[in-house]
Each structure stands twice: as C-alpha cells, then as structure tokens.
All heavy atoms as atom14 arrays in JSON, in Angstrom:
{
  "sequence": "NLPEAKALLEKEGCKVTQQYNRHSMMFSDPFGMNFH",
  "atom14_mask": [
    [1, 1, 1, 1, 1, 1, 1, 1, 0, 0, 0, 0, 0, 0],
    [1, 1, 1, 1, 1, 1, 1, 1, 0, 0, 0, 0, 0, 0],
    [1, 1, 1, 1, 1, 1, 1, 0, 0, 0, 0, 0, 0, 0],
    [1, 1, 1, 1, 1, 1, 1, 1, 1, 0, 0, 0, 0, 0],
    [1, 1, 1, 1, 1, 0, 0, 0, 0, 0, 0, 0, 0, 0],
    [1, 1, 1, 1, 1, 1, 1, 1, 1, 0, 0, 0, 0, 0],
    [1, 1, 1, 1, 1, 0, 0, 0, 0, 0, 0, 0, 0, 0],
    [1, 1, 1, 1, 1, 1, 1, 1, 0, 0, 0, 0, 0, 0],
    [1, 1, 1, 1, 1, 1, 1, 1, 0, 0, 0, 0, 0, 0],
    [1, 1, 1, 1, 1, 1, 1, 1, 1, 0, 0, 0, 0, 0],
    [1, 1, 1, 1, 1, 1, 1, 1, 1, 0, 0, 0, 0, 0],
    [1, 1, 1, 1, 1, 1, 1, 1, 1, 0, 0, 0, 0, 0],
    [1, 1, 1, 1, 0, 0, 0, 0, 0, 0, 0, 0, 0, 0],
    [1, 1, 1, 1, 1, 1, 0, 0, 0, 0, 0, 0, 0, 0],
    [1, 1, 1, 1, 1, 1, 1, 1, 1, 0, 0, 0, 0, 0],
    [1, 1, 1, 1, 1, 1, 1, 0, 0, 0, 0, 0, 0, 0],
    [1, 1, 1, 1, 1, 1, 1, 0, 0, 0, 0, 0, 0, 0],
    [1, 1, 1, 1, 1, 1, 1, 1, 1, 0, 0, 0, 0, 0],
    [1, 1, 1, 1, 1, 1, 1, 1, 1, 0, 0, 0, 0, 0],
    [1, 1, 1, 1, 1, 1, 1, 1, 1, 1, 1, 1, 0, 0],
    [1, 1, 1, 1, 1, 1, 1, 1, 0, 0, 0, 0, 0, 0],
    [1, 1, 1, 1, 1, 1, 1, 1, 1, 1, 1, 0, 0, 0],
    [1, 1, 1, 1, 1, 1, 1, 1, 1, 1, 0, 0, 0, 0],
    [1, 1, 1, 1, 1, 1, 0, 0, 0, 0, 0, 0, 0, 0],
    [1, 1, 1, 1, 1, 1, 1, 1, 0, 0, 0, 0, 0, 0],
    [1, 1, 1, 1, 1, 1, 1, 1, 0, 0, 0, 0, 0, 0],
    [1, 1, 1, 1, 1, 1, 1, 1, 1, 1, 1, 0, 0, 0],
    [1, 1, 1, 1, 1, 1, 0, 0, 0, 0, 0, 0, 0, 0],
    [1, 1, 1, 1, 1, 1, 1, 1, 0, 0, 0, 0, 0, 0],
    [1, 1, 1, 1, 1, 1, 1, 0, 0, 0, 0, 0, 0, 0],
    [1, 1, 1, 1, 1, 1, 1, 1, 1, 1, 1, 0, 0, 0],
    [1, 1, 1, 1, 0, 0, 0, 0, 0, 0, 0, 0, 0, 0],
    [1, 1, 1, 1, 1, 1, 1, 1, 0, 0, 0, 0, 0, 0],
    [1, 1, 1, 1, 1, 1, 1, 1, 0, 0, 0, 0, 0, 0],
    [1, 1, 1, 1, 1, 1, 1, 1, 1, 1, 1, 0, 0, 0],
    [1, 1, 1, 1, 1, 1, 1, 1, 1, 1, 0, 0, 0, 0]
  ],
  "atom14_positions": [
    [[117.02, 114.24, 81.62], [117.32, 113.88, 83.0], [116.24, 112.88, 83.46], [115.21, 113.31, 83.99], [117.38, 115.03, 83.89], [117.87, 114.72, 85.29], [117.49, 113.67, 85.88], [118.68, 115.58, 85.89], [0.0, 0.0, 0.0], [0.0, 0.0, 0.0], [0.0, 0.0, 0.0], [0.0, 0.0, 0.0], [0.0, 0.0, 0.0], [0.0, 0.0, 0.0]],
    [[116.44, 111.61, 83.26], [115.39, 110.6, 83.57], [115.07, 110.52, 85.14], [113.88, 110.47, 85.47], [115.71, 109.22, 83.06], [114.7, 108.19, 83.19], [113.41, 108.6, 82.46], [115.14, 106.84, 82.68], [0.0, 0.0, 0.0], [0.0, 0.0, 0.0], [0.0, 0.0, 0.0], [0.0, 0.0, 0.0], [0.0, 0.0, 0.0], [0.0, 0.0, 0.0]],
    [[116.04, 110.6, 86.01], [115.69, 110.54, 87.41], [114.78, 111.76, 87.8], [113.78, 111.61, 88.55], [117.02, 110.66, 88.15], [117.99, 110.06, 87.18], [117.52, 110.46, 85.85], [0.0, 0.0, 0.0], [0.0, 0.0, 0.0], [0.0, 0.0, 0.0], [0.0, 0.0, 0.0], [0.0, 0.0, 0.0], [0.0, 0.0, 0.0], [0.0, 0.0, 0.0]],
    [[115.06, 112.92, 87.33], [114.23, 114.12, 87.54], [112.84, 113.93, 86.91], [111.82, 114.27, 87.58], [114.9, 115.34, 87.06], [114.38, 116.63, 87.59], [115.1, 117.82, 87.08], [116.41, 117.76, 87.14], [114.54, 118.83, 86.63], [0.0, 0.0, 0.0], [0.0, 0.0, 0.0], [0.0, 0.0, 0.0], [0.0, 0.0, 0.0], [0.0, 0.0, 0.0]],
    [[112.83, 113.42, 85.7], [111.47, 113.19, 85.01], [110.73, 112.18, 85.82], [109.46, 112.35, 86.05], [111.73, 112.69, 83.6], [0.0, 0.0, 0.0], [0.0, 0.0, 0.0], [0.0, 0.0, 0.0], [0.0, 0.0, 0.0], [0.0, 0.0, 0.0], [0.0, 0.0, 0.0], [0.0, 0.0, 0.0], [0.0, 0.0, 0.0], [0.0, 0.0, 0.0]],
    [[111.31, 111.11, 86.31], [110.64, 110.12, 87.05], [109.99, 110.69, 88.3], [108.86, 110.44, 88.67], [111.55, 108.97, 87.42], [110.96, 107.87, 88.26], [111.94, 106.81, 88.68], [111.28, 105.79, 89.51], [112.0, 105.43, 90.68], [0.0, 0.0, 0.0], [0.0, 0.0, 0.0], [0.0, 0.0, 0.0], [0.0, 0.0, 0.0], [0.0, 0.0, 0.0]],
    [[110.8, 111.5, 89.05], [110.33, 112.13, 90.25], [109.09, 113.06, 89.98], [108.11, 112.96, 90.75], [111.46, 112.93, 90.96], [0.0, 0.0, 0.0], [0.0, 0.0, 0.0], [0.0, 0.0, 0.0], [0.0, 0.0, 0.0], [0.0, 0.0, 0.0], [0.0, 0.0, 0.0], [0.0, 0.0, 0.0], [0.0, 0.0, 0.0], [0.0, 0.0, 0.0]],
    [[109.21, 113.79, 88.98], [108.04, 114.68, 88.54], [106.79, 113.89, 88.25], [105.74, 114.2, 88.68], [108.43, 115.64, 87.38], [107.28, 116.37, 86.76], [106.7, 117.42, 87.83], [107.78, 117.17, 85.65], [0.0, 0.0, 0.0], [0.0, 0.0, 0.0], [0.0, 0.0, 0.0], [0.0, 0.0, 0.0], [0.0, 0.0, 0.0], [0.0, 0.0, 0.0]],
    [[106.95, 112.87, 87.33], [105.81, 112.08, 86.94], [105.24, 111.31, 88.11], [103.99, 111.27, 88.2], [106.32, 111.11, 85.86], [106.72, 111.77, 84.51], [107.37, 110.79, 83.61], [105.44, 112.4, 83.8], [0.0, 0.0, 0.0], [0.0, 0.0, 0.0], [0.0, 0.0, 0.0], [0.0, 0.0, 0.0], [0.0, 0.0, 0.0], [0.0, 0.0, 0.0]],
    [[106.0, 110.75, 88.97], [105.37, 110.13, 90.09], [104.73, 111.04, 91.07], [103.63, 110.74, 91.55], [106.57, 109.38, 90.9], [107.0, 108.07, 90.12], [108.07, 107.28, 90.81], [108.9, 107.89, 91.56], [108.07, 106.07, 90.62], [0.0, 0.0, 0.0], [0.0, 0.0, 0.0], [0.0, 0.0, 0.0], [0.0, 0.0, 0.0], [0.0, 0.0, 0.0]],
    [[105.24, 112.23, 91.16], [104.55, 113.28, 92.03], [103.22, 113.59, 91.44], [102.24, 113.92, 92.17], [105.46, 114.5, 92.07], [104.83, 115.69, 92.81], [105.82, 116.85, 92.85], [105.05, 118.02, 93.46], [105.13, 119.23, 92.65], [0.0, 0.0, 0.0], [0.0, 0.0, 0.0], [0.0, 0.0, 0.0], [0.0, 0.0, 0.0], [0.0, 0.0, 0.0]],
    [[103.06, 113.52, 90.17], [101.85, 113.83, 89.42], [100.91, 112.62, 89.22], [99.88, 112.72, 88.56], [102.13, 114.46, 88.1], [102.83, 115.8, 88.16], [101.98, 116.83, 88.89], [100.74, 116.86, 88.72], [102.61, 117.7, 89.61], [0.0, 0.0, 0.0], [0.0, 0.0, 0.0], [0.0, 0.0, 0.0], [0.0, 0.0, 0.0], [0.0, 0.0, 0.0]],
    [[101.26, 111.51, 89.88], [100.36, 110.33, 89.89], [100.7, 109.24, 88.9], [100.02, 108.24, 88.85], [0.0, 0.0, 0.0], [0.0, 0.0, 0.0], [0.0, 0.0, 0.0], [0.0, 0.0, 0.0], [0.0, 0.0, 0.0], [0.0, 0.0, 0.0], [0.0, 0.0, 0.0], [0.0, 0.0, 0.0], [0.0, 0.0, 0.0], [0.0, 0.0, 0.0]],
    [[101.81, 109.38, 88.21], [102.21, 108.35, 87.27], [102.92, 107.23, 88.0], [103.43, 107.44, 89.1], [103.13, 108.94, 86.17], [102.34, 110.11, 85.07], [0.0, 0.0, 0.0], [0.0, 0.0, 0.0], [0.0, 0.0, 0.0], [0.0, 0.0, 0.0], [0.0, 0.0, 0.0], [0.0, 0.0, 0.0], [0.0, 0.0, 0.0], [0.0, 0.0, 0.0]],
    [[102.92, 106.07, 87.48], [103.57, 104.85, 87.96], [104.5, 104.26, 86.99], [104.21, 104.17, 85.81], [102.56, 103.83, 88.44], [101.66, 104.24, 89.56], [100.74, 103.12, 89.99], [99.83, 103.36, 91.15], [99.58, 104.53, 91.73], [0.0, 0.0, 0.0], [0.0, 0.0, 0.0], [0.0, 0.0, 0.0], [0.0, 0.0, 0.0], [0.0, 0.0, 0.0]],
    [[105.69, 103.84, 87.43], [106.6, 103.11, 86.57], [106.0, 101.7, 86.43], [105.77, 101.01, 87.44], [108.01, 103.07, 87.22], [108.98, 102.19, 86.38], [108.6, 104.43, 87.37], [0.0, 0.0, 0.0], [0.0, 0.0, 0.0], [0.0, 0.0, 0.0], [0.0, 0.0, 0.0], [0.0, 0.0, 0.0], [0.0, 0.0, 0.0], [0.0, 0.0, 0.0]],
    [[105.83, 101.27, 85.19], [105.31, 99.93, 84.96], [106.39, 98.92, 84.46], [106.25, 97.78, 84.61], [104.15, 99.89, 83.95], [104.58, 100.53, 82.7], [102.94, 100.75, 84.47], [0.0, 0.0, 0.0], [0.0, 0.0, 0.0], [0.0, 0.0, 0.0], [0.0, 0.0, 0.0], [0.0, 0.0, 0.0], [0.0, 0.0, 0.0], [0.0, 0.0, 0.0]],
    [[107.49, 99.5, 83.99], [108.58, 98.72, 83.55], [109.9, 99.57, 83.47], [109.77, 100.73, 82.9], [108.39, 98.06, 82.26], [109.42, 97.02, 81.87], [109.0, 96.11, 80.75], [107.92, 96.17, 80.22], [109.91, 95.2, 80.34], [0.0, 0.0, 0.0], [0.0, 0.0, 0.0], [0.0, 0.0, 0.0], [0.0, 0.0, 0.0], [0.0, 0.0, 0.0]],
    [[110.95, 99.06, 83.94], [112.25, 99.77, 83.88], [113.13, 98.85, 82.96], [113.45, 97.76, 83.35], [112.89, 100.03, 85.16], [114.18, 100.79, 85.01], [114.72, 101.38, 86.33], [114.01, 101.49, 87.31], [115.86, 101.8, 86.3], [0.0, 0.0, 0.0], [0.0, 0.0, 0.0], [0.0, 0.0, 0.0], [0.0, 0.0, 0.0], [0.0, 0.0, 0.0]],
    [[113.45, 99.36, 81.77], [114.32, 98.59, 80.83], [115.71, 98.67, 81.2], [116.47, 97.68, 81.08], [114.06, 99.13, 79.38], [112.6, 98.95, 79.01], [111.84, 100.07, 78.9], [112.08, 97.74, 78.66], [110.46, 100.02, 78.55], [110.74, 97.61, 78.27], [109.98, 98.82, 78.26], [108.64, 98.67, 77.81], [0.0, 0.0, 0.0], [0.0, 0.0, 0.0]],
    [[116.26, 99.81, 81.56], [117.58, 100.02, 82.03], [117.61, 101.38, 82.76], [116.5, 102.01, 82.93], [118.64, 99.99, 80.93], [118.38, 100.95, 79.84], [118.2, 102.17, 80.08], [118.43, 100.54, 78.65], [0.0, 0.0, 0.0], [0.0, 0.0, 0.0], [0.0, 0.0, 0.0], [0.0, 0.0, 0.0], [0.0, 0.0, 0.0], [0.0, 0.0, 0.0]],
    [[118.69, 101.84, 83.23], [118.75, 103.13, 83.94], [118.42, 104.31, 83.09], [118.25, 105.41, 83.71], [120.09, 103.31, 84.69], [121.25, 103.45, 83.75], [122.56, 103.49, 84.68], [123.68, 103.72, 83.78], [124.3, 104.86, 83.65], [123.81, 105.92, 84.25], [125.33, 104.99, 82.87], [0.0, 0.0, 0.0], [0.0, 0.0, 0.0], [0.0, 0.0, 0.0]],
    [[118.34, 104.15, 81.81], [118.0, 105.3, 80.9], [116.61, 105.17, 80.28], [116.28, 105.92, 79.35], [119.02, 105.37, 79.76], [120.43, 105.65, 80.26], [120.87, 106.79, 80.67], [121.45, 104.73, 80.29], [122.15, 106.71, 81.04], [122.57, 105.44, 80.79], [0.0, 0.0, 0.0], [0.0, 0.0, 0.0], [0.0, 0.0, 0.0], [0.0, 0.0, 0.0]],
    [[115.75, 104.18, 80.64], [114.58, 103.86, 79.94], [113.54, 103.27, 80.76], [113.77, 102.19, 81.4], [114.99, 102.92, 78.84], [113.84, 102.41, 78.1], [0.0, 0.0, 0.0], [0.0, 0.0, 0.0], [0.0, 0.0, 0.0], [0.0, 0.0, 0.0], [0.0, 0.0, 0.0], [0.0, 0.0, 0.0], [0.0, 0.0, 0.0], [0.0, 0.0, 0.0]],
    [[112.37, 103.96, 80.83], [111.24, 103.47, 81.65], [109.84, 103.62, 81.01], [109.67, 104.49, 80.28], [111.16, 104.2, 83.0], [112.32, 104.03, 83.91], [112.07, 105.07, 85.39], [113.72, 104.89, 86.09], [0.0, 0.0, 0.0], [0.0, 0.0, 0.0], [0.0, 0.0, 0.0], [0.0, 0.0, 0.0], [0.0, 0.0, 0.0], [0.0, 0.0, 0.0]],
    [[108.94, 102.67, 81.3], [107.57, 102.73, 80.88], [106.76, 103.25, 82.07], [106.97, 102.81, 83.18], [107.11, 101.41, 80.42], [105.7, 101.5, 79.85], [105.51, 102.25, 78.29], [106.28, 101.08, 77.24], [0.0, 0.0, 0.0], [0.0, 0.0, 0.0], [0.0, 0.0, 0.0], [0.0, 0.0, 0.0], [0.0, 0.0, 0.0], [0.0, 0.0, 0.0]],
    [[105.88, 104.2, 81.73], [105.0, 104.8, 82.75], [103.57, 104.61, 82.41], [103.18, 104.5, 81.22], [105.25, 106.31, 82.88], [106.55, 106.65, 83.51], [107.66, 106.79, 82.68], [106.64, 106.93, 84.86], [108.87, 107.14, 83.24], [107.91, 107.29, 85.39], [109.07, 107.4, 84.57], [0.0, 0.0, 0.0], [0.0, 0.0, 0.0], [0.0, 0.0, 0.0]],
    [[102.73, 104.55, 83.44], [101.27, 104.6, 83.26], [100.81, 105.9, 83.92], [101.15, 106.18, 85.14], [100.68, 103.35, 84.04], [99.24, 103.48, 83.95], [0.0, 0.0, 0.0], [0.0, 0.0, 0.0], [0.0, 0.0, 0.0], [0.0, 0.0, 0.0], [0.0, 0.0, 0.0], [0.0, 0.0, 0.0], [0.0, 0.0, 0.0], [0.0, 0.0, 0.0]],
    [[100.03, 106.74, 83.21], [99.51, 107.9, 83.84], [98.23, 107.76, 84.54], [97.63, 106.65, 84.5], [99.44, 109.02, 82.8], [98.33, 108.87, 81.74], [97.35, 108.18, 82.07], [98.37, 109.54, 80.68], [0.0, 0.0, 0.0], [0.0, 0.0, 0.0], [0.0, 0.0, 0.0], [0.0, 0.0, 0.0], [0.0, 0.0, 0.0], [0.0, 0.0, 0.0]],
    [[97.7, 108.71, 85.33], [96.58, 108.55, 86.1], [95.28, 108.38, 85.23], [94.2, 108.14, 85.82], [96.53, 109.83, 86.95], [97.85, 110.48, 86.84], [98.43, 109.97, 85.61], [0.0, 0.0, 0.0], [0.0, 0.0, 0.0], [0.0, 0.0, 0.0], [0.0, 0.0, 0.0], [0.0, 0.0, 0.0], [0.0, 0.0, 0.0], [0.0, 0.0, 0.0]],
    [[95.37, 108.5, 83.95], [94.22, 108.5, 83.1], [94.13, 107.26, 82.23], [93.32, 107.16, 81.41], [94.27, 109.8, 82.16], [94.7, 111.06, 82.97], [95.95, 111.51, 82.87], [93.8, 111.61, 83.81], [96.34, 112.63, 83.56], [94.17, 112.71, 84.57], [95.42, 113.24, 84.43], [0.0, 0.0, 0.0], [0.0, 0.0, 0.0], [0.0, 0.0, 0.0]],
    [[95.02, 106.32, 82.52], [94.99, 105.02, 81.82], [95.9, 104.88, 80.59], [95.84, 103.88, 79.94], [0.0, 0.0, 0.0], [0.0, 0.0, 0.0], [0.0, 0.0, 0.0], [0.0, 0.0, 0.0], [0.0, 0.0, 0.0], [0.0, 0.0, 0.0], [0.0, 0.0, 0.0], [0.0, 0.0, 0.0], [0.0, 0.0, 0.0], [0.0, 0.0, 0.0]],
    [[96.69, 105.88, 80.3], [97.52, 105.84, 79.11], [98.94, 105.36, 79.57], [99.36, 105.67, 80.7], [97.64, 107.2, 78.39], [96.29, 107.67, 77.86], [95.61, 106.53, 76.69], [96.81, 106.59, 75.32], [0.0, 0.0, 0.0], [0.0, 0.0, 0.0], [0.0, 0.0, 0.0], [0.0, 0.0, 0.0], [0.0, 0.0, 0.0], [0.0, 0.0, 0.0]],
    [[99.69, 104.78, 78.64], [101.07, 104.35, 78.9], [102.01, 105.15, 77.96], [101.61, 105.45, 76.83], [101.26, 102.84, 78.65], [100.42, 102.07, 79.61], [100.59, 102.15, 80.81], [99.43, 101.27, 79.08], [0.0, 0.0, 0.0], [0.0, 0.0, 0.0], [0.0, 0.0, 0.0], [0.0, 0.0, 0.0], [0.0, 0.0, 0.0], [0.0, 0.0, 0.0]],
    [[103.22, 105.45, 78.4], [104.17, 106.13, 77.6], [105.62, 105.79, 78.06], [105.81, 105.43, 79.22], [103.94, 107.66, 77.53], [103.93, 108.34, 78.83], [105.1, 108.79, 79.38], [102.77, 108.44, 79.57], [105.17, 109.45, 80.67], [102.74, 109.12, 80.76], [103.95, 109.64, 81.35], [0.0, 0.0, 0.0], [0.0, 0.0, 0.0], [0.0, 0.0, 0.0]],
    [[106.47, 105.82, 77.2], [107.91, 105.45, 77.39], [108.69, 106.74, 77.52], [108.51, 107.59, 76.65], [108.37, 104.61, 76.19], [109.78, 104.18, 76.32], [110.71, 104.26, 75.26], [110.55, 103.68, 77.37], [111.84, 103.8, 75.59], [111.79, 103.45, 76.85], [0.0, 0.0, 0.0], [0.0, 0.0, 0.0], [0.0, 0.0, 0.0], [0.0, 0.0, 0.0]]
  ]
}
C-alpha cells in the first residue's frame, strides 16, 4: 500500500524526492539515505 507507506514515512521525517508513477517513489530519510 504505497499511499499508506508514504504517509508513514513522511510522518517519520522522510521526504519524497521523486515520484516515478502512482506505484513508485524515491524517498530521502532523515539520516541522509535514499531508498525506493
């Protein structure tokens, strides 16, 4: 569930750095790491 995952990650300080499509996003965490 990407919308739910996005909400949780943003609540925990992550930021969306790129949205590829409605099923795929790149995040940056508060510690300087990136993950898809």
